[in-house]
C-alpha cells in the first residue's frame, strides 16, 4: 500500500448508523469495528510507538517502584507536535467526523492527543472520568481510543460503566486507588452494568468525558499500544475550572485565552466540520 493510499484512508468517512449513534448517547460509549486497516495501524503505529518509548517519562523507574497510576501506563501527550507522521494520524478526518456525529455537533476541535501504552505486566487503570481534568464549558467532548493491535482480555481492554455519564459519580476524583474503590462501589449500588470486551484489530472505541471507565492489567508479555485523541465541540468555550487539575489543563491547553472565550488557539485546531 502506498503512502497516498494510507493518507486517503485517514480521511475517508466511516458509515455510522442511527442505531449506533443512539446507543452511544444512551450508553456513553461505543466500540466500532474495522475502523482501520492493518496497513494504517502499522505505518502510523510504528512512528507513534517510537516516539512514546523514546519520550517515556518513566523509563528510568522500575515498574514495581511506581504508583498505581504509574504502573497503569506510559502516558505521552501532544505527540502531534513532535512528528508530521503522528500529526497526520491525530488530525485524521475519519475519527474527527465520527466524533462530531456521535456528539451531534457541527464540527470537532482537537483538545489533545496522548499515547497510553500499558507495558508488559503493567497494572490496572483505576475507575475514573476524564472530564474532571478538563475545564470545558459543556460536556460535548469524546475520546477516541485506538489500539494499534488487537486487545484480548488479558491485555487490559477498556471497561465502561453503561449509562454512567448520566450519573454524578466520582466526578471530582483523581484517578487513584481511592477512585477505583469508590466508583466501583457506586457503580454496583446504582445497578450499572460494567461492559468489558476484547478489541479486534482495527476496532476503535469512543466514550464521553463523563463516562466512567477503567482497564484491567496487562498480563501478557507484550506492550498494549494505544493512541487516543480527545475531541471537543468545535464551538466549545473555555469553562470555569472547578479544581486545580482543570486550572492546570486550562493553562496548558488554552494559551492566550480567557475563561468564556471560544476555545480557538494553535493547540486546539478544528479538525472536521460538516460540509467537508
C-alpha atoms as a PDB file:
ATOM      1  CA  UNK A   1       0.000   0.000   0.000  1.00  0.00           C
ATOM      2  CA  UNK A   2       1.363   3.436  -0.968  1.00  0.00           C
ATOM      3  CA  UNK A   3       1.637   6.473   1.316  1.00  0.00           C
ATOM      4  CA  UNK A   4      -1.053   8.185  -0.767  1.00  0.00           C
ATOM      5  CA  UNK A   5      -3.393   5.257  -0.168  1.00  0.00           C
ATOM      6  CA  UNK A   6      -2.669   5.308   3.559  1.00  0.00           C
ATOM      7  CA  UNK A   7      -3.277   9.065   3.716  1.00  0.00           C
ATOM      8  CA  UNK A   8      -6.525   8.695   1.797  1.00  0.00           C
ATOM      9  CA  UNK A   9      -7.825   6.130   4.295  1.00  0.00           C
ATOM     10  CA  UNK A  10      -7.281   8.598   7.152  1.00  0.00           C
ATOM     11  CA  UNK A  11      -9.883  10.950   5.721  1.00  0.00           C
ATOM     12  CA  UNK A  12     -12.416   8.537   4.222  1.00  0.00           C
ATOM     13  CA  UNK A  13     -15.784   8.625   6.060  1.00  0.00           C
ATOM     14  CA  UNK A  14     -16.808   5.714   8.274  1.00  0.00           C
ATOM     15  CA  UNK A  15     -20.521   4.983   7.993  1.00  0.00           C
ATOM     16  CA  UNK A  16     -22.408   5.243  11.301  1.00  0.00           C
ATOM     17  CA  UNK A  17     -25.974   4.016  11.666  1.00  0.00           C
ATOM     18  CA  UNK A  18     -28.693   5.874  13.559  1.00  0.00           C
ATOM     19  CA  UNK A  19     -28.815   2.904  15.925  1.00  0.00           C
ATOM     20  CA  UNK A  20     -25.109   3.240  16.737  1.00  0.00           C
ATOM     21  CA  UNK A  21     -25.460   6.973  17.426  1.00  0.00           C
ATOM     22  CA  UNK A  22     -28.477   6.377  19.682  1.00  0.00           C
ATOM     23  CA  UNK A  23     -26.683   3.591  21.532  1.00  0.00           C
ATOM     24  CA  UNK A  24     -23.641   5.792  22.102  1.00  0.00           C
ATOM     25  CA  UNK A  25     -25.737   8.577  23.584  1.00  0.00           C
ATOM     26  CA  UNK A  26     -27.616   6.185  25.855  1.00  0.00           C
ATOM     27  CA  UNK A  27     -24.608   4.101  26.944  1.00  0.00           C
ATOM     28  CA  UNK A  28     -21.930   6.810  26.928  1.00  0.00           C
ATOM     29  CA  UNK A  29     -19.566   4.675  24.828  1.00  0.00           C
ATOM     30  CA  UNK A  30     -19.357   2.511  21.732  1.00  0.00           C
ATOM     31  CA  UNK A  31     -16.798   0.168  20.181  1.00  0.00           C
ATOM     32  CA  UNK A  32     -16.774   0.417  16.386  1.00  0.00           C
ATOM     33  CA  UNK A  33     -15.423  -2.483  14.308  1.00  0.00           C
ATOM     34  CA  UNK A  34     -12.884  -2.331  11.482  1.00  0.00           C
ATOM     35  CA  UNK A  35     -12.238   1.400  11.579  1.00  0.00           C
ATOM     36  CA  UNK A  36      -8.621   0.996  10.443  1.00  0.00           C
ATOM     37  CA  UNK A  37      -6.735  -1.372   8.175  1.00  0.00           C
ATOM     38  CA  UNK A  38      -3.629  -3.274   9.250  1.00  0.00           C
ATOM     39  CA  UNK A  39      -1.519  -1.101   6.937  1.00  0.00           C
ATOM     40  CA  UNK A  40      -2.636   2.167   8.562  1.00  0.00           C
ATOM     41  CA  UNK A  41      -2.140   0.789  12.064  1.00  0.00           C
ATOM     42  CA  UNK A  42       1.343  -0.495  11.223  1.00  0.00           C
ATOM     43  CA  UNK A  43       2.633   2.620   9.464  1.00  0.00           C
ATOM     44  CA  UNK A  44       1.342   5.259  11.885  1.00  0.00           C
ATOM     45  CA  UNK A  45       1.593   2.975  14.898  1.00  0.00           C
ATOM     46  CA  UNK A  46       5.300   2.349  14.347  1.00  0.00           C
ATOM     47  CA  UNK A  47       6.048   6.087  14.470  1.00  0.00           C
ATOM     48  CA  UNK A  48       3.842   6.772  17.492  1.00  0.00           C
ATOM     49  CA  UNK A  49       5.347   3.792  19.316  1.00  0.00           C
ATOM     50  CA  UNK A  50       8.863   5.026  18.562  1.00  0.00           C
ATOM     51  CA  UNK A  51       8.049   8.463  19.958  1.00  0.00           C
ATOM     52  CA  UNK A  52       6.239   7.124  23.010  1.00  0.00           C
ATOM     53  CA  UNK A  53       9.047   4.793  24.077  1.00  0.00           C
ATOM     54  CA  UNK A  54      11.681   7.426  23.337  1.00  0.00           C
ATOM     55  CA  UNK A  55       9.945  10.131  25.399  1.00  0.00           C
ATOM     56  CA  UNK A  56       8.592   7.805  28.135  1.00  0.00           C
ATOM     57  CA  UNK A  57       8.929   9.901  31.321  1.00  0.00           C
ATOM     58  CA  UNK A  58       9.115   6.735  33.446  1.00  0.00           C
ATOM     59  CA  UNK A  59      11.734   4.766  31.514  1.00  0.00           C
ATOM     60  CA  UNK A  60      14.251   5.069  34.349  1.00  0.00           C
ATOM     61  CA  UNK A  61      11.785   3.955  37.048  1.00  0.00           C
ATOM     62  CA  UNK A  62      11.210   0.218  37.570  1.00  0.00           C
ATOM     63  CA  UNK A  63       7.583  -0.870  37.292  1.00  0.00           C
ATOM     64  CA  UNK A  64       7.494  -2.121  40.886  1.00  0.00           C
ATOM     65  CA  UNK A  65       8.693   1.263  42.161  1.00  0.00           C
ATOM     66  CA  UNK A  66       5.860   3.270  40.622  1.00  0.00           C
ATOM     67  CA  UNK A  67       2.494   4.402  41.972  1.00  0.00           C
ATOM     68  CA  UNK A  68      -0.726   2.720  40.861  1.00  0.00           C
ATOM     69  CA  UNK A  69      -1.118   5.443  38.230  1.00  0.00           C
ATOM     70  CA  UNK A  70       2.471   4.996  37.081  1.00  0.00           C
ATOM     71  CA  UNK A  71       2.047   1.236  36.747  1.00  0.00           C
ATOM     72  CA  UNK A  72      -1.095   1.667  34.648  1.00  0.00           C
ATOM     73  CA  UNK A  73       0.527   3.046  31.506  1.00  0.00           C
ATOM     74  CA  UNK A  74       3.189   5.121  29.791  1.00  0.00           C
ATOM     75  CA  UNK A  75       1.489   8.451  29.055  1.00  0.00           C
ATOM     76  CA  UNK A  76       2.801  10.905  26.454  1.00  0.00           C
ATOM     77  CA  UNK A  77       0.683  13.801  25.202  1.00  0.00           C
ATOM     78  CA  UNK A  78       0.662  16.188  22.241  1.00  0.00           C
ATOM     79  CA  UNK A  79       2.547  13.744  20.055  1.00  0.00           C
ATOM     80  CA  UNK A  80       1.174  15.591  17.033  1.00  0.00           C
ATOM     81  CA  UNK A  81       3.553  18.453  17.794  1.00  0.00           C
ATOM     82  CA  UNK A  82       6.603  16.165  17.621  1.00  0.00           C
ATOM     83  CA  UNK A  83       6.215  14.355  14.291  1.00  0.00           C
ATOM     84  CA  UNK A  84       4.486  15.013  10.975  1.00  0.00           C
ATOM     85  CA  UNK A  85       3.522  11.330  10.778  1.00  0.00           C
ATOM     86  CA  UNK A  86       1.957  11.414  14.245  1.00  0.00           C
ATOM     87  CA  UNK A  87       0.227  14.685  13.340  1.00  0.00           C
ATOM     88  CA  UNK A  88      -1.278  13.149  10.201  1.00  0.00           C
ATOM     89  CA  UNK A  89      -2.781  10.347  12.261  1.00  0.00           C
ATOM     90  CA  UNK A  90      -4.043  12.525  15.117  1.00  0.00           C
ATOM     91  CA  UNK A  91      -5.549  15.015  12.654  1.00  0.00           C
ATOM     92  CA  UNK A  92      -7.344  12.375  10.574  1.00  0.00           C
ATOM     93  CA  UNK A  93     -10.839  13.365   9.484  1.00  0.00           C
ATOM     94  CA  UNK A  94     -12.286   9.853   9.820  1.00  0.00           C
ATOM     95  CA  UNK A  95     -12.265   9.816  13.637  1.00  0.00           C
ATOM     96  CA  UNK A  96     -12.994  13.544  13.862  1.00  0.00           C
ATOM     97  CA  UNK A  97     -16.138  13.105  11.766  1.00  0.00           C
ATOM     98  CA  UNK A  98     -17.271  10.105  13.824  1.00  0.00           C
ATOM     99  CA  UNK A  99     -16.817  12.207  16.976  1.00  0.00           C
ATOM    100  CA  UNK A 100     -18.961  15.037  15.581  1.00  0.00           C
ATOM    101  CA  UNK A 101     -21.716  12.646  14.518  1.00  0.00           C
ATOM    102  CA  UNK A 102     -21.746  10.921  17.900  1.00  0.00           C
ATOM    103  CA  UNK A 103     -21.851  14.253  19.769  1.00  0.00           C
ATOM    104  CA  UNK A 104     -24.326  15.843  17.367  1.00  0.00           C
ATOM    105  CA  UNK A 105     -22.124  18.884  16.772  1.00  0.00           C
ATOM    106  CA  UNK A 106     -21.364  20.931  13.668  1.00  0.00           C
ATOM    107  CA  UNK A 107     -17.688  20.071  13.962  1.00  0.00           C
ATOM    108  CA  UNK A 108     -14.862  18.803  16.137  1.00  0.00           C
ATOM    109  CA  UNK A 109     -11.878  20.565  17.617  1.00  0.00           C
ATOM    110  CA  UNK A 110      -8.705  18.929  18.917  1.00  0.00           C
ATOM    111  CA  UNK A 111      -8.231  19.058  22.685  1.00  0.00           C
ATOM    112  CA  UNK A 112      -5.102  16.941  22.673  1.00  0.00           C
ATOM    113  CA  UNK A 113      -3.807  13.519  21.764  1.00  0.00           C
ATOM    114  CA  UNK A 114      -1.947  11.128  24.013  1.00  0.00           C
ATOM    115  CA  UNK A 115      -0.395   7.694  23.892  1.00  0.00           C
ATOM    116  CA  UNK A 116      -1.439   5.285  26.651  1.00  0.00           C
ATOM    117  CA  UNK A 117       0.899   2.313  26.461  1.00  0.00           C
ATOM    118  CA  UNK A 118       0.328  -0.395  29.063  1.00  0.00           C
ATOM    119  CA  UNK A 119       3.626  -2.214  29.487  1.00  0.00           C
ATOM    120  CA  UNK A 120       4.022  -5.976  29.773  1.00  0.00           C
ATOM    121  CA  UNK A 121       2.877  -6.856  33.322  1.00  0.00           C
ATOM    122  CA  UNK A 122       1.550  -3.281  33.666  1.00  0.00           C
ATOM    123  CA  UNK A 123      -1.073  -2.680  36.330  1.00  0.00           C
ATOM    124  CA  UNK A 124      -4.774  -1.899  36.163  1.00  0.00           C
ATOM    125  CA  UNK A 125      -6.118   1.552  35.297  1.00  0.00           C
ATOM    126  CA  UNK A 126      -8.449   2.711  38.114  1.00  0.00           C
ATOM    127  CA  UNK A 127     -12.039   3.805  37.576  1.00  0.00           C
ATOM    128  CA  UNK A 128     -12.298   7.475  36.648  1.00  0.00           C
ATOM    129  CA  UNK A 129     -14.000  10.069  34.442  1.00  0.00           C
ATOM    130  CA  UNK A 130     -11.805  12.092  32.093  1.00  0.00           C
ATOM    131  CA  UNK A 131     -13.677  15.367  32.170  1.00  0.00           C
ATOM    132  CA  UNK A 132     -12.812  16.047  35.796  1.00  0.00           C
ATOM    133  CA  UNK A 133      -9.438  17.105  34.324  1.00  0.00           C
ATOM    134  CA  UNK A 134     -10.874  19.296  31.547  1.00  0.00           C
ATOM    135  CA  UNK A 135     -12.190  22.874  32.069  1.00  0.00           C
ATOM    136  CA  UNK A 136     -14.804  22.743  29.310  1.00  0.00           C
ATOM    137  CA  UNK A 137     -17.981  24.828  29.321  1.00  0.00           C
ATOM    138  CA  UNK A 138     -20.162  21.876  28.208  1.00  0.00           C
ATOM    139  CA  UNK A 139     -19.989  18.086  28.144  1.00  0.00           C
ATOM    140  CA  UNK A 140     -19.682  17.940  24.349  1.00  0.00           C
ATOM    141  CA  UNK A 141     -16.415  16.015  24.269  1.00  0.00           C
ATOM    142  CA  UNK A 142     -15.358  12.468  23.443  1.00  0.00           C
ATOM    143  CA  UNK A 143     -12.216  10.356  23.487  1.00  0.00           C
ATOM    144  CA  UNK A 144     -11.290   8.017  20.648  1.00  0.00           C
ATOM    145  CA  UNK A 145      -9.344   5.002  22.000  1.00  0.00           C
ATOM    146  CA  UNK A 146      -7.377   3.454  19.144  1.00  0.00           C
ATOM    147  CA  UNK A 147      -5.239   0.342  19.728  1.00  0.00           C
ATOM    148  CA  UNK A 148      -2.524  -0.465  17.220  1.00  0.00           C
ATOM    149  CA  UNK A 149      -3.092  -4.200  17.744  1.00  0.00           C
ATOM    150  CA  UNK A 150      -5.874  -6.498  18.858  1.00  0.00           C
ATOM    151  CA  UNK A 151      -6.504  -6.201  22.608  1.00  0.00           C
ATOM    152  CA  UNK A 152      -7.593  -9.508  24.175  1.00  0.00           C
ATOM    153  CA  UNK A 153      -8.977  -9.578  27.711  1.00  0.00           C
ATOM    154  CA  UNK A 154      -5.604 -10.465  29.223  1.00  0.00           C
ATOM    155  CA  UNK A 155      -4.052  -7.295  27.739  1.00  0.00           C
ATOM    156  CA  UNK A 156      -6.375  -4.894  29.555  1.00  0.00           C
ATOM    157  CA  UNK A 157      -9.063  -3.569  27.170  1.00  0.00           C
ATOM    158  CA  UNK A 158     -11.383  -0.767  28.228  1.00  0.00           C
ATOM    159  CA  UNK A 159     -14.229  -1.346  30.690  1.00  0.00           C
ATOM    160  CA  UNK A 160     -17.132   1.107  30.707  1.00  0.00           C
ATOM    161  CA  UNK A 161     -19.954   1.787  33.141  1.00  0.00           C
ATOM    162  CA  UNK A 162     -23.034   1.705  30.890  1.00  0.00           C
ATOM    163  CA  UNK A 163     -25.047   4.892  31.335  1.00  0.00           C
ATOM    164  CA  UNK A 164     -22.599   6.247  33.922  1.00  0.00           C
ATOM    165  CA  UNK A 165     -22.263   9.553  32.025  1.00  0.00           C
ATOM    166  CA  UNK A 166     -25.802  10.300  33.217  1.00  0.00           C
ATOM    167  CA  UNK A 167     -24.889   9.790  36.898  1.00  0.00           C
ATOM    168  CA  UNK A 168     -22.960  12.105  39.200  1.00  0.00           C
ATOM    169  CA  UNK A 169     -20.400   9.566  40.399  1.00  0.00           C
ATOM    170  CA  UNK A 170     -16.766  10.337  41.191  1.00  0.00           C
ATOM    171  CA  UNK A 171     -16.753  13.484  39.095  1.00  0.00           C
ATOM    172  CA  UNK A 172     -14.134  15.279  41.146  1.00  0.00           C
ATOM    173  CA  UNK A 173     -11.860  12.337  41.946  1.00  0.00           C
ATOM    174  CA  UNK A 174      -8.364  11.999  40.562  1.00  0.00           C
ATOM    175  CA  UNK A 175      -7.530   8.622  39.072  1.00  0.00           C
ATOM    176  CA  UNK A 176      -6.233   6.652  42.065  1.00  0.00           C
ATOM    177  CA  UNK A 177      -6.752   3.662  44.334  1.00  0.00           C
ATOM    178  CA  UNK A 178      -9.463   5.729  46.041  1.00  0.00           C
ATOM    179  CA  UNK A 179     -11.334   6.390  42.783  1.00  0.00           C
ATOM    180  CA  UNK A 180     -11.143   2.676  41.948  1.00  0.00           C
ATOM    181  CA  UNK A 181     -12.871   1.702  45.196  1.00  0.00           C
ATOM    182  CA  UNK A 182     -15.431   4.490  45.442  1.00  0.00           C
ATOM    183  CA  UNK A 183     -16.550   4.369  41.824  1.00  0.00           C
ATOM    184  CA  UNK A 184     -16.613   0.556  41.779  1.00  0.00           C
ATOM    185  CA  UNK A 185     -18.876   0.551  44.833  1.00  0.00           C
ATOM    186  CA  UNK A 186     -21.129   3.297  43.443  1.00  0.00           C
ATOM    187  CA  UNK A 187     -21.497   1.520  40.095  1.00  0.00           C
ATOM    188  CA  UNK A 188     -22.693  -1.567  41.947  1.00  0.00           C
ATOM    189  CA  UNK A 189     -25.009   0.470  44.168  1.00  0.00           C
ATOM    190  CA  UNK A 190     -26.556   2.206  41.162  1.00  0.00           C
ATOM    191  CA  UNK A 191     -27.003  -1.114  39.361  1.00  0.00           C
ATOM    192  CA  UNK A 192     -24.931  -0.042  36.366  1.00  0.00           C
ATOM    193  CA  UNK A 193     -23.525  -2.714  34.077  1.00  0.00           C
ATOM    194  CA  UNK A 194     -19.759  -2.875  33.648  1.00  0.00           C
ATOM    195  CA  UNK A 195     -19.027  -3.709  29.998  1.00  0.00           C
ATOM    196  CA  UNK A 196     -15.649  -5.174  29.061  1.00  0.00           C
ATOM    197  CA  UNK A 197     -14.981  -6.566  25.602  1.00  0.00           C
ATOM    198  CA  UNK A 198     -11.859  -7.555  23.672  1.00  0.00           C
ATOM    199  CA  UNK A 199     -10.889  -5.363  20.727  1.00  0.00           C
ATOM    200  CA  UNK A 200     -10.250  -6.933  17.353  1.00  0.00           C
ATOM    201  CA  UNK A 201      -7.606  -5.479  15.074  1.00  0.00           C
ATOM    202  CA  UNK A 202      -8.868  -2.149  13.706  1.00  0.00           C
ATOM    203  CA  UNK A 203     -11.549  -1.570  16.359  1.00  0.00           C
ATOM    204  CA  UNK A 204     -11.810   1.904  17.925  1.00  0.00           C
ATOM    205  CA  UNK A 205     -13.936   2.928  20.899  1.00  0.00           C
ATOM    206  CA  UNK A 206     -15.406   6.318  21.749  1.00  0.00           C
ATOM    207  CA  UNK A 207     -16.562   7.464  25.187  1.00  0.00           C
ATOM    208  CA  UNK A 208     -17.863  10.739  26.563  1.00  0.00           C
ATOM    209  CA  UNK A 209     -15.948  12.891  29.001  1.00  0.00           C
ATOM    210  CA  UNK A 210     -18.155  11.819  31.919  1.00  0.00           C
ATOM    211  CA  UNK A 211     -18.339   8.099  31.101  1.00  0.00           C
ATOM    212  CA  UNK A 212     -16.755   6.108  33.922  1.00  0.00           C
ATOM    213  CA  UNK A 213     -14.137   3.656  32.694  1.00  0.00           C
ATOM    214  CA  UNK A 214     -11.162   1.576  33.740  1.00  0.00           C
ATOM    215  CA  UNK A 215      -8.881  -1.114  32.291  1.00  0.00           C
ATOM    216  CA  UNK A 216      -7.534  -4.341  33.696  1.00  0.00           C
ATOM    217  CA  UNK A 217      -3.821  -5.180  33.966  1.00  0.00           C
ATOM    218  CA  UNK A 218      -1.747  -6.340  31.026  1.00  0.00           C
ATOM    219  CA  UNK A 219      -0.829  -9.893  31.979  1.00  0.00           C
ATOM    220  CA  UNK A 220       0.864 -10.637  28.653  1.00  0.00           C
ATOM    221  CA  UNK A 221       4.500 -10.223  27.689  1.00  0.00           C
ATOM    222  CA  UNK A 222       3.671  -7.589  25.050  1.00  0.00           C
ATOM    223  CA  UNK A 223       3.037  -3.859  25.336  1.00  0.00           C
ATOM    224  CA  UNK A 224      -0.575  -2.743  24.803  1.00  0.00           C
ATOM    225  CA  UNK A 225      -0.072   0.128  22.339  1.00  0.00           C
ATOM    226  CA  UNK A 226      -2.973   2.608  22.294  1.00  0.00           C
ATOM    227  CA  UNK A 227      -3.246   6.112  20.885  1.00  0.00           C
ATOM    228  CA  UNK A 228      -6.058   8.410  21.963  1.00  0.00           C
ATOM    229  CA  UNK A 229      -7.449  11.650  20.594  1.00  0.00           C
ATOM    230  CA  UNK A 230      -9.688  13.850  22.715  1.00  0.00           C
ATOM    231  CA  UNK A 231     -12.214  15.828  20.690  1.00  0.00           C
ATOM    232  CA  UNK A 232     -14.491  18.665  21.745  1.00  0.00           C
ATOM    233  CA  UNK A 233     -17.286  20.576  20.078  1.00  0.00           C
ATOM    234  CA  UNK A 234     -15.789  22.984  17.534  1.00  0.00           C
ATOM    235  CA  UNK A 235     -17.839  25.684  19.294  1.00  0.00           C
ATOM    236  CA  UNK A 236     -16.567  24.823  22.792  1.00  0.00           C
ATOM    237  CA  UNK A 237     -15.761  27.690  25.158  1.00  0.00           C
ATOM    238  CA  UNK A 238     -13.208  27.664  27.962  1.00  0.00           C
ATOM    239  CA  UNK A 239     -15.068  26.872  31.179  1.00  0.00           C
ATOM    240  CA  UNK A 240     -14.504  27.989  34.742  1.00  0.00           C
ATOM    241  CA  UNK A 241     -12.113  25.457  36.349  1.00  0.00           C
ATOM    242  CA  UNK A 242     -13.667  23.627  39.292  1.00  0.00           C
ATOM    243  CA  UNK A 243     -10.474  22.095  40.696  1.00  0.00           C
ATOM    244  CA  UNK A 244      -6.675  22.559  40.477  1.00  0.00           C
ATOM    245  CA  UNK A 245      -6.365  19.887  37.795  1.00  0.00           C
ATOM    246  CA  UNK A 246      -8.706  21.794  35.493  1.00  0.00           C
ATOM    247  CA  UNK A 247      -6.820  25.016  36.118  1.00  0.00           C
ATOM    248  CA  UNK A 248      -3.588  23.244  35.180  1.00  0.00           C
ATOM    249  CA  UNK A 249      -5.149  21.987  31.956  1.00  0.00           C
ATOM    250  CA  UNK A 250      -6.548  25.447  31.201  1.00  0.00           C
ATOM    251  CA  UNK A 251      -3.064  26.905  31.372  1.00  0.00           C
ATOM    252  CA  UNK A 252      -1.601  24.071  29.279  1.00  0.00           C
ATOM    253  CA  UNK A 253      -4.189  23.861  26.503  1.00  0.00           C
ATOM    254  CA  UNK A 254      -5.648  27.375  26.147  1.00  0.00           C
ATOM    255  CA  UNK A 255      -2.658  29.728  25.891  1.00  0.00           C
ATOM    256  CA  UNK A 256      -3.762  33.323  25.365  1.00  0.00           C
ATOM    257  CA  UNK A 257      -7.411  32.582  26.084  1.00  0.00           C
ATOM    258  CA  UNK A 258      -9.613  33.733  28.959  1.00  0.00           C
ATOM    259  CA  UNK A 259     -12.435  31.919  30.712  1.00  0.00           C
ATOM    260  CA  UNK A 260     -15.510  32.183  28.495  1.00  0.00           C
ATOM    261  CA  UNK A 261     -13.558  32.537  25.234  1.00  0.00           C
ATOM    262  CA  UNK A 262     -14.185  30.306  22.245  1.00  0.00           C
ATOM    263  CA  UNK A 263     -11.549  27.589  22.585  1.00  0.00           C
ATOM    264  CA  UNK A 264      -9.715  28.648  19.464  1.00  0.00           C
ATOM    265  CA  UNK A 265      -5.918  28.567  19.687  1.00  0.00           C
ATOM    266  CA  UNK A 266      -2.958  26.961  17.952  1.00  0.00           C
ATOM    267  CA  UNK A 267      -3.106  23.864  20.186  1.00  0.00           C
ATOM    268  CA  UNK A 268      -6.818  23.226  19.559  1.00  0.00           C
ATOM    269  CA  UNK A 269      -7.487  23.428  15.803  1.00  0.00           C
ATOM    270  CA  UNK A 270     -10.776  22.439  14.193  1.00  0.00           C
ATOM    271  CA  UNK A 271     -10.285  19.020  12.592  1.00  0.00           C
ATOM    272  CA  UNK A 272     -13.617  18.489  10.828  1.00  0.00           C
ATOM    273  CA  UNK A 273     -16.773  20.460  10.083  1.00  0.00           C
ATOM    274  CA  UNK A 274     -19.980  19.490   8.341  1.00  0.00           C
ATOM    275  CA  UNK A 275     -19.823  20.101   4.623  1.00  0.00           C
ATOM    276  CA  UNK A 276     -16.290  18.755   4.234  1.00  0.00           C
END
